[in-house]
Protein backbone atom coordinates (compact mmCIF):
# COMPACT_ATOMS: atom_id res chain seq x y z
CA MET A 1 -15.22 -133.85 112.75
CA ASP A 2 -11.68 -134.54 111.57
CA ALA A 3 -10.36 -131.87 109.22
CA LEU A 4 -9.46 -132.91 105.67
CA PRO A 5 -7.11 -131.19 103.21
CA PRO A 6 -8.80 -129.31 100.31
CA GLU A 7 -7.54 -131.86 97.78
CA ALA A 8 -9.22 -134.80 99.55
CA SER A 9 -11.31 -137.05 97.30
CA ASP A 10 -15.08 -137.42 97.51
CA VAL A 11 -14.54 -140.89 98.95
CA ALA A 12 -12.32 -139.53 101.72
CA ARG A 13 -14.76 -136.70 102.47
CA GLU A 14 -17.75 -139.00 102.73
CA ALA A 15 -15.79 -141.47 104.84
CA ALA A 16 -14.78 -138.68 107.22
CA ARG A 17 -18.40 -137.95 108.13
CA ARG A 18 -19.26 -141.59 108.94
CA ARG A 19 -19.42 -142.97 112.48
CA SER A 20 -20.03 -146.71 112.72
CA PHE A 21 -20.50 -147.96 116.26
CA ALA A 22 -21.96 -150.82 118.28
CA ILE A 23 -23.69 -150.71 121.64
CA ILE A 24 -22.46 -153.34 124.08
CA ALA A 25 -23.79 -154.13 127.53
CA HIS A 26 -24.82 -156.78 130.02
CA PRO A 27 -28.52 -157.73 129.72
CA ASP A 28 -30.89 -155.22 131.35
CA ALA A 29 -28.36 -152.39 131.43
CA GLY A 30 -30.69 -150.41 129.17
CA LYS A 31 -28.91 -150.96 125.87
CA THR A 32 -31.96 -151.32 123.62
CA THR A 33 -33.73 -148.40 125.32
CA LEU A 34 -30.63 -146.27 124.70
CA THR A 35 -30.70 -147.36 121.05
CA GLU A 36 -34.30 -146.14 120.75
CA LYS A 37 -33.47 -142.76 122.24
CA LEU A 38 -30.37 -142.31 120.05
CA LEU A 39 -32.61 -142.87 117.04
CA LEU A 40 -35.15 -140.41 118.42
CA ARG A 41 -32.41 -137.83 118.99
CA GLY A 42 -31.10 -138.44 115.50
CA GLY A 43 -34.52 -137.68 114.05
CA ALA A 44 -34.84 -141.21 112.67
CA ILE A 45 -38.08 -142.01 114.53
CA GLN A 46 -40.90 -139.97 115.96
CA LEU A 47 -41.85 -142.23 118.87
CA ALA A 48 -39.47 -144.34 120.94
CA GLY A 49 -40.87 -147.63 122.19
CA ALA A 50 -40.01 -148.90 125.65
CA VAL A 51 -38.73 -152.46 125.56
CA ARG A 52 -41.68 -153.88 127.47
CA ALA A 53 -44.34 -151.53 126.13
CA LYS A 54 -47.41 -153.08 124.52
CA GLY A 55 -48.79 -152.44 121.09
CA ASN A 56 -47.24 -152.21 117.66
CA ALA A 57 -46.95 -148.41 117.81
CA ARG A 58 -44.54 -148.58 120.70
CA ARG A 59 -42.57 -151.72 119.94
CA THR A 60 -38.83 -151.39 120.08
CA ARG A 61 -37.65 -150.73 116.55
CA SER A 62 -34.43 -152.74 116.77
CA ASP A 63 -36.16 -155.84 118.18
CA TRP A 64 -38.28 -157.04 115.26
CA MET A 65 -38.29 -160.85 115.60
CA LYS A 66 -41.33 -162.45 117.22
CA ILE A 67 -39.26 -164.04 119.99
CA GLU A 68 -37.63 -160.65 120.71
CA GLN A 69 -41.01 -158.96 121.01
CA ASP A 70 -42.41 -161.79 123.16
CA ARG A 71 -39.50 -161.88 125.61
CA GLY A 72 -38.33 -158.26 125.58
CA ILE A 73 -34.75 -159.20 124.67
CA SER A 74 -32.45 -158.69 121.69
CA VAL A 75 -31.35 -161.91 120.01
CA ALA A 76 -29.95 -160.59 116.74
CA THR A 77 -27.90 -157.60 115.69
CA SER A 78 -29.93 -154.79 114.14
CA VAL A 79 -28.44 -152.17 111.83
CA MET A 80 -29.80 -148.62 111.75
CA THR A 81 -28.49 -145.76 109.62
CA PHE A 82 -29.41 -142.12 110.27
CA GLU A 83 -27.95 -138.64 109.79
CA ARG A 84 -27.64 -135.78 112.26
CA ASP A 85 -25.81 -132.46 111.81
CA ASN A 86 -24.06 -133.71 108.64
CA VAL A 87 -22.75 -136.83 110.39
CA VAL A 88 -23.95 -140.24 109.18
CA PHE A 89 -24.30 -142.76 112.00
CA ASN A 90 -24.37 -146.50 111.40
CA LEU A 91 -25.64 -147.91 114.69
CA LEU A 92 -25.38 -151.65 115.31
CA ASP A 93 -27.48 -152.79 118.26
CA THR A 94 -26.03 -156.10 119.46
CA PRO A 95 -27.60 -158.84 121.62
CA GLY A 96 -26.70 -158.43 125.28
CA HIS A 97 -27.31 -162.02 126.38
CA GLU A 98 -24.16 -164.16 126.44
CA ASP A 99 -25.93 -166.94 124.53
CA PHE A 100 -25.76 -164.70 121.45
CA SER A 101 -22.18 -163.54 121.98
CA GLU A 102 -20.99 -164.94 118.65
CA ASP A 103 -23.27 -162.55 116.74
CA THR A 104 -21.94 -159.71 118.87
CA TYR A 105 -18.29 -160.69 118.29
CA ARG A 106 -18.82 -160.72 114.53
CA THR A 107 -20.59 -157.36 114.67
CA LEU A 108 -17.64 -155.83 116.47
CA THR A 109 -15.49 -156.57 113.41
CA ALA A 110 -17.67 -154.13 111.45
CA VAL A 111 -17.51 -151.06 113.71
CA ASP A 112 -14.96 -148.37 114.47
CA ALA A 113 -16.14 -147.59 118.02
CA ALA A 114 -18.42 -148.96 120.72
CA VAL A 115 -20.67 -147.50 123.41
CA MET A 116 -20.39 -149.47 126.65
CA VAL A 117 -23.59 -149.11 128.68
CA LEU A 118 -23.32 -149.65 132.44
CA ASP A 119 -26.14 -149.87 134.96
CA ALA A 120 -25.36 -147.20 137.57
CA ALA A 121 -26.40 -149.56 140.37
CA LYS A 122 -24.46 -152.60 139.13
CA GLY A 123 -21.37 -151.28 137.36
CA ILE A 124 -19.34 -153.72 135.31
CA GLU A 125 -20.97 -157.13 134.95
CA SER A 126 -19.70 -160.39 133.47
CA GLN A 127 -20.91 -159.95 129.89
CA THR A 128 -19.69 -156.34 129.84
CA ARG A 129 -16.22 -157.56 130.72
CA LYS A 130 -16.23 -160.25 128.01
CA LEU A 131 -17.37 -157.83 125.31
CA PHE A 132 -14.85 -155.24 126.42
CA GLU A 133 -12.05 -157.79 126.01
CA VAL A 134 -13.15 -158.40 122.42
CA CYS A 135 -13.04 -154.65 121.80
CA ARG A 136 -9.58 -154.51 123.36
CA LEU A 137 -8.29 -157.28 121.10
CA ARG A 138 -9.41 -155.21 118.13
CA ASP A 139 -8.31 -151.82 119.56
CA ILE A 140 -11.88 -150.53 119.30
CA PRO A 141 -12.31 -147.19 121.11
CA ILE A 142 -14.90 -147.32 123.91
CA VAL A 143 -17.30 -144.55 124.96
CA THR A 144 -18.91 -145.26 128.35
CA PHE A 145 -22.50 -144.32 129.17
CA ILE A 146 -23.49 -144.83 132.82
CA ASN A 147 -27.23 -145.33 132.65
CA LYS A 148 -30.13 -145.18 135.14
CA MET A 149 -28.78 -142.28 137.17
CA ASP A 150 -32.39 -141.38 138.03
CA ARG A 151 -32.57 -144.56 140.15
CA GLU A 152 -30.61 -145.74 143.16
CA ALA A 153 -27.01 -145.76 142.01
CA ARG A 154 -23.50 -146.39 143.25
CA ASP A 155 -21.15 -143.52 143.94
CA PRO A 156 -19.77 -142.13 140.62
CA PHE A 157 -16.20 -142.21 141.95
CA GLU A 158 -16.63 -145.87 142.84
CA LEU A 159 -17.94 -146.64 139.35
CA MET A 160 -15.07 -144.79 137.69
CA ASP A 161 -12.50 -146.57 139.86
CA GLU A 162 -14.08 -149.91 138.96
CA ILE A 163 -13.71 -149.18 135.25
CA GLU A 164 -10.06 -148.29 135.73
CA LYS A 165 -9.19 -151.28 137.89
CA THR A 166 -11.34 -153.96 136.27
CA LEU A 167 -10.72 -153.02 132.65
CA ALA A 168 -7.27 -151.42 133.01
CA LEU A 169 -8.64 -148.42 131.15
CA ASP A 170 -8.10 -144.74 131.90
CA VAL A 171 -11.34 -142.81 132.43
CA ALA A 172 -12.03 -139.21 131.49
CA PRO A 173 -15.41 -137.92 132.73
CA ILE A 174 -17.04 -135.65 130.18
CA ALA A 175 -20.14 -135.06 132.30
CA TRP A 176 -20.69 -135.31 136.04
CA PRO A 177 -24.03 -136.14 137.72
CA VAL A 178 -25.73 -133.49 139.83
CA GLY A 179 -27.65 -135.36 142.51
CA ARG A 180 -28.61 -139.04 142.62
CA ALA A 181 -31.78 -141.13 142.19
CA SER A 182 -34.88 -139.03 142.97
CA GLU A 183 -32.57 -136.03 143.61
CA PHE A 184 -30.96 -136.35 140.17
CA ALA A 185 -31.14 -132.88 138.63
CA GLY A 186 -28.97 -133.28 135.54
CA THR A 187 -25.28 -133.27 134.63
CA TYR A 188 -22.50 -130.73 134.56
CA ASP A 189 -20.44 -130.74 131.35
CA LEU A 190 -16.86 -130.69 132.62
CA ARG A 191 -15.36 -129.74 129.25
CA GLU A 192 -17.87 -127.15 128.05
CA LYS A 193 -18.67 -125.79 131.55
CA ARG A 194 -22.45 -125.92 131.25
CA PHE A 195 -25.33 -127.41 133.20
CA LEU A 196 -27.66 -129.85 131.40
CA PRO A 197 -30.98 -130.09 133.30
CA VAL A 198 -33.02 -133.29 133.33
CA ASP A 199 -36.19 -133.22 131.18
CA ALA A 200 -34.88 -130.31 129.13
CA THR A 201 -33.62 -130.08 125.55
CA ASP A 202 -29.99 -129.58 124.63
CA ALA A 203 -30.84 -125.98 123.81
CA ASP A 204 -31.74 -125.46 127.49
CA ALA A 205 -28.14 -126.05 128.62
CA VAL A 206 -26.99 -123.27 130.96
CA PRO A 207 -23.45 -121.88 130.30
CA LEU A 208 -21.52 -121.46 133.55
CA ASP A 209 -18.20 -120.06 134.71
CA GLY A 210 -17.44 -123.40 136.41
CA PRO A 211 -18.81 -125.78 139.05
CA ASN A 212 -18.63 -122.95 141.63
CA ASP A 213 -20.78 -120.60 139.57
CA ALA A 214 -23.01 -118.53 141.90
CA ARG A 215 -26.07 -119.29 139.75
CA LEU A 216 -25.97 -123.04 140.42
CA PRO A 217 -27.71 -123.05 143.84
CA ALA A 218 -30.75 -121.38 142.29
CA LEU A 219 -30.79 -124.02 139.53
CA VAL A 220 -30.23 -127.21 141.56
CA GLY A 221 -30.48 -126.25 145.24
CA GLU A 222 -27.82 -125.42 147.83
CA ALA A 223 -26.93 -129.01 148.80
CA ARG A 224 -26.56 -130.32 145.26
CA ALA A 225 -24.60 -127.25 144.17
CA ALA A 226 -22.18 -127.66 147.08
CA ALA A 227 -21.76 -131.38 146.36
CA LEU A 228 -21.11 -130.71 142.66
CA ALA A 229 -18.48 -128.06 143.42
CA GLU A 230 -16.55 -130.53 145.58
CA GLU A 231 -17.02 -133.59 143.34
CA ALA A 232 -16.21 -131.80 140.07
CA GLU A 233 -12.95 -130.53 141.53
CA LEU A 234 -12.01 -134.03 142.70
CA ALA A 235 -13.01 -135.57 139.35
CA LEU A 236 -10.93 -133.09 137.36
CA ALA A 237 -7.92 -133.64 139.63
CA GLY A 238 -8.26 -137.39 140.12
CA PHE A 239 -9.03 -138.69 136.63
CA ALA A 240 -7.28 -138.34 133.30
CA GLU A 241 -7.96 -135.37 131.07
CA PHE A 242 -9.63 -136.40 127.86
CA ASP A 243 -7.06 -137.16 125.17
CA LEU A 244 -8.35 -137.91 121.66
CA ALA A 245 -5.31 -139.96 120.63
CA ALA A 246 -5.46 -142.13 123.76
CA PHE A 247 -9.20 -142.68 123.24
CA ARG A 248 -8.77 -143.76 119.63
CA GLN A 249 -5.94 -146.09 120.64
CA GLY A 250 -8.34 -147.79 123.03
CA THR A 251 -6.51 -146.88 126.26
CA LEU A 252 -8.92 -144.20 127.55
CA THR A 253 -12.70 -143.97 127.70
CA PRO A 254 -14.75 -140.75 127.91
CA VAL A 255 -17.60 -141.19 130.41
CA PHE A 256 -21.13 -139.79 130.11
CA PHE A 257 -23.94 -140.04 132.68
CA GLY A 258 -27.67 -140.07 132.08
CA SER A 259 -30.96 -141.94 131.91
CA ALA A 260 -31.96 -143.56 128.62
CA LEU A 261 -35.51 -144.15 129.84
CA ARG A 262 -35.99 -140.43 130.52
CA ASP A 263 -34.06 -139.49 127.38
CA PHE A 264 -31.51 -137.59 129.41
CA GLY A 265 -27.82 -137.43 128.51
CA VAL A 266 -28.50 -139.16 125.19
CA GLY A 267 -28.06 -136.03 123.06
CA HIS A 268 -24.82 -135.28 124.89
CA LEU A 269 -23.61 -138.82 124.15
CA LEU A 270 -24.52 -138.51 120.45
CA ASP A 271 -22.64 -135.21 120.23
CA GLY A 272 -19.64 -136.92 121.83
CA LEU A 273 -19.75 -139.74 119.26
CA ALA A 274 -19.86 -137.22 116.42
CA ARG A 275 -16.96 -135.26 117.89
CA TYR A 276 -14.66 -137.99 119.22
CA ALA A 277 -15.44 -141.35 117.59
CA PRO A 278 -13.14 -142.16 114.67
CA PRO A 279 -14.29 -142.20 111.07
CA PRO A 280 -13.63 -145.44 109.14
CA ARG A 281 -10.13 -146.69 109.79
CA ALA A 282 -7.61 -148.59 107.69
CA ARG A 283 -8.46 -152.32 107.54
CA PRO A 284 -5.86 -155.10 107.50
CA ALA A 285 -6.29 -157.72 104.78
CA ASP A 286 -4.20 -160.78 104.00
CA ALA A 287 -2.19 -159.06 101.26
CA ARG A 288 -2.12 -155.44 102.45
CA THR A 289 -3.85 -152.75 104.49
CA VAL A 290 -6.81 -151.04 102.84
CA GLU A 291 -7.27 -147.30 103.38
CA PRO A 292 -10.85 -145.91 103.46
CA GLY A 293 -10.07 -143.14 100.96
CA GLU A 294 -9.03 -145.54 98.18
CA PRO A 295 -11.17 -145.19 95.02
CA ALA A 296 -11.76 -148.93 94.47
CA LEU A 297 -14.56 -150.51 96.50
CA THR A 298 -13.88 -153.18 99.11
CA GLY A 299 -16.07 -154.61 101.85
CA PHE A 300 -16.80 -157.75 103.83
CA VAL A 301 -19.84 -159.71 104.96
CA PHE A 302 -20.16 -159.82 108.76
CA LYS A 303 -23.75 -161.00 109.02
CA VAL A 304 -26.37 -162.87 107.01
CA GLN A 305 -30.03 -162.56 107.96
CA ALA A 306 -32.80 -164.81 106.64
CA ASN A 307 -36.50 -164.02 106.59
CA MET A 308 -36.41 -160.35 107.55
CA ASP A 309 -39.45 -160.31 105.30
CA PRO A 310 -41.05 -163.76 105.89
CA ASN A 311 -43.52 -163.19 103.05
CA HIS A 312 -40.68 -163.28 100.54
CA ARG A 313 -38.32 -165.74 102.29
CA ASP A 314 -35.51 -163.28 101.66
CA ARG A 315 -31.89 -163.57 102.69
CA VAL A 316 -29.75 -160.48 103.08
CA ALA A 317 -25.97 -160.24 103.50
CA PHE A 318 -24.83 -157.29 105.61
CA VAL A 319 -21.71 -155.76 104.06
CA ARG A 320 -19.43 -153.28 105.81
CA LEU A 321 -17.82 -151.04 103.19
CA CYS A 322 -14.13 -150.40 103.79
CA SER A 323 -13.12 -148.26 100.78
CA GLY A 324 -14.45 -146.79 97.56
CA LYS A 325 -17.96 -145.88 96.49
CA LEU A 326 -20.84 -148.31 96.04
CA ILE A 327 -23.27 -147.44 93.25
CA LYS A 328 -26.52 -149.25 92.68
CA GLY A 329 -26.13 -151.73 89.83
CA MET A 330 -22.43 -152.50 90.38
CA ARG A 331 -21.06 -156.02 90.00
CA LEU A 332 -18.53 -157.04 92.63
CA LYS A 333 -16.09 -159.92 92.88
CA GLN A 334 -16.68 -162.47 95.63
CA VAL A 335 -13.04 -163.26 96.38
CA ARG A 336 -13.67 -166.69 97.94
CA THR A 337 -15.25 -168.10 94.77
CA GLY A 338 -14.18 -165.62 92.09
CA LYS A 339 -17.82 -165.14 91.08
CA GLN A 340 -19.41 -161.82 90.15
CA VAL A 341 -22.14 -160.66 92.53
CA PRO A 342 -24.69 -158.16 91.15
CA VAL A 343 -25.65 -155.38 93.56
CA ASN A 344 -28.82 -154.22 91.85
CA ALA A 345 -30.63 -152.91 94.93
CA PRO A 346 -28.26 -152.28 97.87
CA LEU A 347 -30.20 -151.54 101.03
CA PHE A 348 -29.90 -149.18 103.94
CA PHE A 349 -31.54 -150.52 107.09
CA PHE A 350 -33.61 -149.19 109.86
CA ALA A 351 -33.91 -152.45 111.83
CA LYS A 352 -36.44 -154.46 109.78
CA GLU A 353 -37.36 -151.52 107.54
CA ARG A 354 -35.23 -150.79 104.52
CA GLN A 355 -34.75 -148.46 101.58
CA VAL A 356 -32.71 -148.80 98.38
CA ALA A 357 -29.37 -147.00 98.56
CA GLU A 358 -28.39 -145.18 95.38
CA GLU A 359 -24.85 -144.93 96.72
CA ALA A 360 -22.87 -145.79 99.84
CA TRP A 361 -19.43 -144.98 101.20
CA PRO A 362 -16.75 -146.37 103.53
CA GLY A 363 -18.16 -146.97 107.01
CA ASP A 364 -21.67 -147.65 105.72
CA VAL A 365 -23.40 -150.99 106.22
CA VAL A 366 -25.51 -152.08 103.26
CA GLY A 367 -27.63 -155.11 102.58
CA VAL A 368 -27.11 -157.22 99.47
CA ALA A 369 -29.70 -159.75 98.29
CA ASN A 370 -28.26 -163.18 98.90
CA HIS A 371 -29.39 -166.47 97.37
CA GLY A 372 -27.02 -168.65 99.35
CA THR A 373 -23.94 -167.33 97.57
CA LEU A 374 -22.56 -164.92 100.17
CA ARG A 375 -21.38 -166.20 103.54
CA ILE A 376 -20.12 -164.60 106.72
CA GLY A 377 -16.49 -163.58 106.25
CA ASP A 378 -16.68 -163.13 102.45
CA THR A 379 -14.76 -160.22 100.94
CA LEU A 380 -16.23 -158.22 98.03
CA THR A 381 -14.05 -156.06 95.77
CA GLU A 382 -14.05 -154.48 92.32
CA GLY A 383 -11.58 -157.15 91.24
CA GLU A 384 -8.66 -157.26 93.66
CA ALA A 385 -7.99 -160.65 95.26
CA ILE A 386 -7.72 -159.74 98.95
CA ASN A 387 -9.41 -161.13 102.05
CA PHE A 388 -10.21 -159.10 105.14
CA ARG A 389 -9.31 -160.78 108.39
CA GLY A 390 -11.02 -161.11 111.70
CA VAL A 391 -14.55 -162.55 111.34
CA PRO A 392 -14.43 -165.36 113.92
CA SER A 393 -16.31 -168.58 114.49
CA PHE A 394 -16.28 -170.13 117.97
CA ALA A 395 -16.61 -173.74 119.07
CA PRO A 396 -20.17 -174.21 120.39
CA GLU A 397 -20.71 -175.24 123.99
CA ILE A 398 -23.88 -177.28 123.34
CA LEU A 399 -24.25 -179.97 120.66
CA ARG A 400 -27.67 -181.40 119.85
CA SER A 401 -29.31 -183.56 117.21
CA VAL A 402 -32.58 -182.27 115.77
CA ARG A 403 -35.72 -184.32 116.41
CA LEU A 404 -38.25 -183.83 113.64
CA GLU A 405 -41.87 -184.28 114.72
CA ASP A 406 -43.09 -184.87 111.15
CA PRO A 407 -40.72 -186.96 108.94
CA MET A 408 -42.42 -185.51 105.84
CA LEU A 409 -40.76 -182.18 106.65
CA ALA A 410 -37.20 -183.55 106.39
CA LYS A 411 -36.45 -181.60 103.19
CA LYS A 412 -37.76 -178.34 104.66
CA LEU A 413 -35.69 -178.95 107.79
CA LYS A 414 -32.54 -179.42 105.71
CA THR A 415 -33.18 -176.13 103.89
CA ALA A 416 -33.99 -174.28 107.12
CA LEU A 417 -30.88 -175.51 108.95
CA SER A 418 -28.69 -174.65 105.99
CA GLN A 419 -30.06 -171.09 105.81
CA LEU A 420 -29.86 -170.55 109.56
CA ALA A 421 -26.28 -171.86 109.57
CA GLU A 422 -25.40 -169.35 106.83
CA GLU A 423 -26.91 -166.70 109.06
CA GLY A 424 -24.87 -167.80 112.09
CA VAL A 425 -27.92 -168.60 114.23
CA VAL A 426 -26.47 -172.09 114.73
CA GLN A 427 -23.47 -174.04 113.59
CA LEU A 428 -24.22 -177.11 111.52
CA PHE A 429 -22.07 -180.25 111.46
CA ARG A 430 -22.54 -183.19 109.13
CA PRO A 431 -20.85 -186.37 110.49
CA PHE A 432 -18.77 -188.27 107.95
CA ASP A 433 -20.32 -191.59 108.95
CA GLY A 434 -23.69 -190.48 107.56
CA SER A 435 -25.46 -190.06 110.89
CA PRO A 436 -27.97 -187.16 111.25
CA PRO A 437 -26.64 -183.59 111.29
CA VAL A 438 -25.72 -181.96 114.59
CA VAL A 439 -26.40 -178.34 115.54
CA GLY A 440 -24.10 -176.39 117.83
CA VAL A 441 -25.00 -173.33 119.93
CA VAL A 442 -23.40 -171.24 122.65
CA GLY A 443 -26.29 -171.42 125.14
CA GLN A 444 -29.76 -172.76 125.81
CA LEU A 445 -31.51 -169.55 124.81
CA GLN A 446 -29.99 -169.91 121.36
CA LEU A 447 -31.71 -173.30 121.08
CA ASP A 448 -35.01 -171.65 122.03
CA VAL A 449 -34.52 -169.11 119.24
CA LEU A 450 -33.71 -171.89 116.76
CA GLN A 451 -36.82 -173.81 117.74
CA SER A 452 -38.99 -170.68 117.48
CA ARG A 453 -37.63 -169.66 114.09
CA LEU A 454 -37.94 -173.19 112.65
CA LYS A 455 -41.62 -173.18 113.58
CA VAL A 456 -42.55 -169.55 112.85
CA GLU A 457 -40.49 -168.90 109.72
CA TYR A 458 -40.24 -172.35 108.13
CA GLY A 459 -43.26 -174.21 109.48
CA VAL A 460 -41.07 -176.98 110.87
CA PRO A 461 -41.88 -177.97 114.49
CA ALA A 462 -38.79 -179.65 115.94
CA GLY A 463 -37.13 -180.60 119.21
CA PHE A 464 -33.59 -181.44 120.28
CA ASP A 465 -31.90 -184.52 121.74
CA ALA A 466 -28.56 -184.90 123.48
CA THR A 467 -25.70 -186.35 121.43
CA GLN A 468 -22.79 -188.55 122.43
CA TRP A 469 -20.47 -185.58 122.00
CA GLN A 470 -19.81 -182.71 124.39
CA MET A 471 -17.46 -180.56 122.34
CA MET A 472 -15.94 -180.01 118.92
CA ARG A 473 -12.73 -178.56 117.53
CA TRP A 474 -11.58 -177.55 114.06
CA ILE A 475 -8.74 -179.71 112.78
CA ALA A 476 -5.73 -178.04 111.18
CA GLY A 477 -2.19 -179.03 110.25
CA GLU A 478 0.52 -178.53 107.66
CA ASP A 479 0.48 -182.24 106.73
CA ARG A 480 -2.75 -182.91 104.83
CA THR A 481 -2.12 -186.66 104.86
CA ALA A 482 -2.08 -186.59 108.67
CA ILE A 483 -5.53 -184.98 108.64
CA GLU A 484 -6.75 -187.70 106.27
CA ARG A 485 -5.32 -190.42 108.55
CA TYR A 486 -7.08 -188.86 111.54
CA LEU A 487 -10.39 -188.76 109.66
CA ASP A 488 -10.04 -192.41 108.60
CA ALA A 489 -9.20 -193.50 112.15
CA ASN A 490 -12.05 -191.49 113.72
CA ARG A 491 -14.83 -191.74 111.15
CA ARG A 492 -17.56 -191.88 113.80
CA ASP A 493 -16.26 -188.79 115.61
CA THR A 494 -15.55 -186.38 112.77
CA ALA A 495 -17.67 -184.13 110.58
CA GLU A 496 -17.57 -181.12 108.30
CA ASP A 497 -19.07 -177.75 109.16
CA HIS A 498 -21.26 -175.60 106.93
CA ASP A 499 -18.17 -174.15 105.18
CA GLY A 500 -16.68 -177.58 104.50
CA GLU A 501 -14.01 -177.34 107.22
CA VAL A 502 -13.24 -180.61 109.01
CA VAL A 503 -13.99 -180.89 112.72
CA ALA A 504 -13.33 -183.41 115.49
CA LEU A 505 -16.13 -184.33 117.90
CA PHE A 506 -15.28 -185.37 121.46
CA GLY A 507 -17.31 -187.05 124.20
CA SER A 508 -15.25 -185.33 126.91
CA ASP A 509 -12.39 -182.93 127.44
CA TRP A 510 -10.24 -185.92 128.37
CA ARG A 511 -10.82 -187.33 124.86
CA ARG A 512 -9.75 -184.01 123.35
CA LYS A 513 -6.52 -183.93 125.35
CA ARG A 514 -5.83 -187.55 124.41
CA ALA A 515 -6.21 -186.68 120.72
CA GLU A 516 -3.77 -183.79 121.09
CA GLU A 517 -1.22 -186.16 122.67
CA GLU A 518 -1.69 -188.89 120.04
CA TRP A 519 -1.68 -186.52 117.07
CA PRO A 520 0.98 -183.88 117.89
CA MET A 521 1.30 -182.94 114.20
CA LEU A 522 -2.31 -181.64 114.23
CA GLN A 523 -3.95 -178.67 115.94
CA PHE A 524 -7.44 -178.70 117.40
CA HIS A 525 -8.77 -175.14 117.40
CA ALA A 526 -11.60 -173.70 119.48
CA VAL A 527 -11.73 -170.55 117.33
CA ARG A 528 -11.24 -170.03 113.64
CA GLU A 529 -11.64 -167.20 111.20
CA GLN A 530 -14.05 -167.77 108.37
CA HIS A 531 -13.04 -169.60 105.21
CA GLY A 532 -9.72 -170.94 106.38
CA LEU A 533 -8.07 -167.65 107.22
CA GLU A 534 -5.63 -167.51 110.11
CA GLN A 535 -6.76 -169.89 112.85
CA MET A 536 -6.43 -169.11 116.55
CA LYS A 537 -6.32 -171.24 119.65
CA ARG A 538 -7.97 -170.18 122.91
């Protein structure tokens, strides 16, 4: 861990032992299985559940929604807090499927590092590349875990070269695989000069004098020992030496090899996160930069989750703390509205399970009971009027009207859509001409989740119909009267979103381009930050 001066405050000391990280990957790279094994290694659970295992005892802890359990996929970010060797880890398991990328993008605003999981047979895939680019935009350090080394895999040098060329990222191997697929015997720790055997505990690591140690053939066989001696020498000469500053700047990634399913290499990865991943960093806000060691509390909402406990119809706002100390019973200022928010029972999470937090520190993620007051992007402080930047909202790629099977459930549908829009499951648009509301999603699977949750959690069976519109954009401009003129002239093709921001609806991309030509004083944004903060154009 990073050394602190003796005079450091309690806030600074607690912040220094926090590691908040997300796991990003293409679907089926083994991300959720790795999450399970990290929790097992951290002592947070006693039994890790394979993603497709049957029975409640072995269900994946981070996938708690019914649709996740039915399909064996992650569709919502889960937060899990655990402690190991005096380091507190806040692990955020993100959805891998691109249809839920918006949830993942928002989650990445709340972490200080990310673990990029690659399938050893497939390397970098499309969703991996997209998520990496988001990390790069935010200068988030990346730790790479090359998974499934116990199966048929590509050559490690080829995989490392692909990372360098595709992502323009220097690679520094921390471990090196000994053998491949059925011949996979473990990894050699290039920095600590030790052999880590498969199916053995970390305590069984064998200290060596180097990859040419005379004891290796007896441990792994002549052929594998000879191959390791040659490959380790090439790896050390051909790739960058690990540099902590370059890693934390986001220009270099340390690389670990292993098998999440067999729980191999996971402890080594967790040790690397504790040693190399940064503690909470300074956070830019609109008025100034907030340092984690400051005594006054600040934080922001990056996620809202409804119905984690369906019996109580609860709504929880996930708050990433950026500075100060949170104490149960505090009242915090919601900067957007100026209202006081009581934090009577802040929660630590373990996926769906929770416990009341007596106190929390910078880097921690806590849950705050939410009755529709807190929204994604909100900043909470002890009184200072600042807003943290960077929680994005993206223009949906699919627009649909909701078809209600039972008209008597119209009021329940309105409530459900409003809550799910607060949560970020869908975007909700209310046309100014009074026509029915429109929901927007990134992909078809997101619609399936919406339909499932409407039925399971709210008792509202519903379907979806195509609309006359294919895309939407947020309208912005310095001249407010020009916006009003546009709205008056296009009443049938404009709406407001759930936050009250005005949007333009278009039947085609040609219509969008025509609007940009006819209204040069306005901007039509595909991306915006929450609550009118700095808007961006793709």
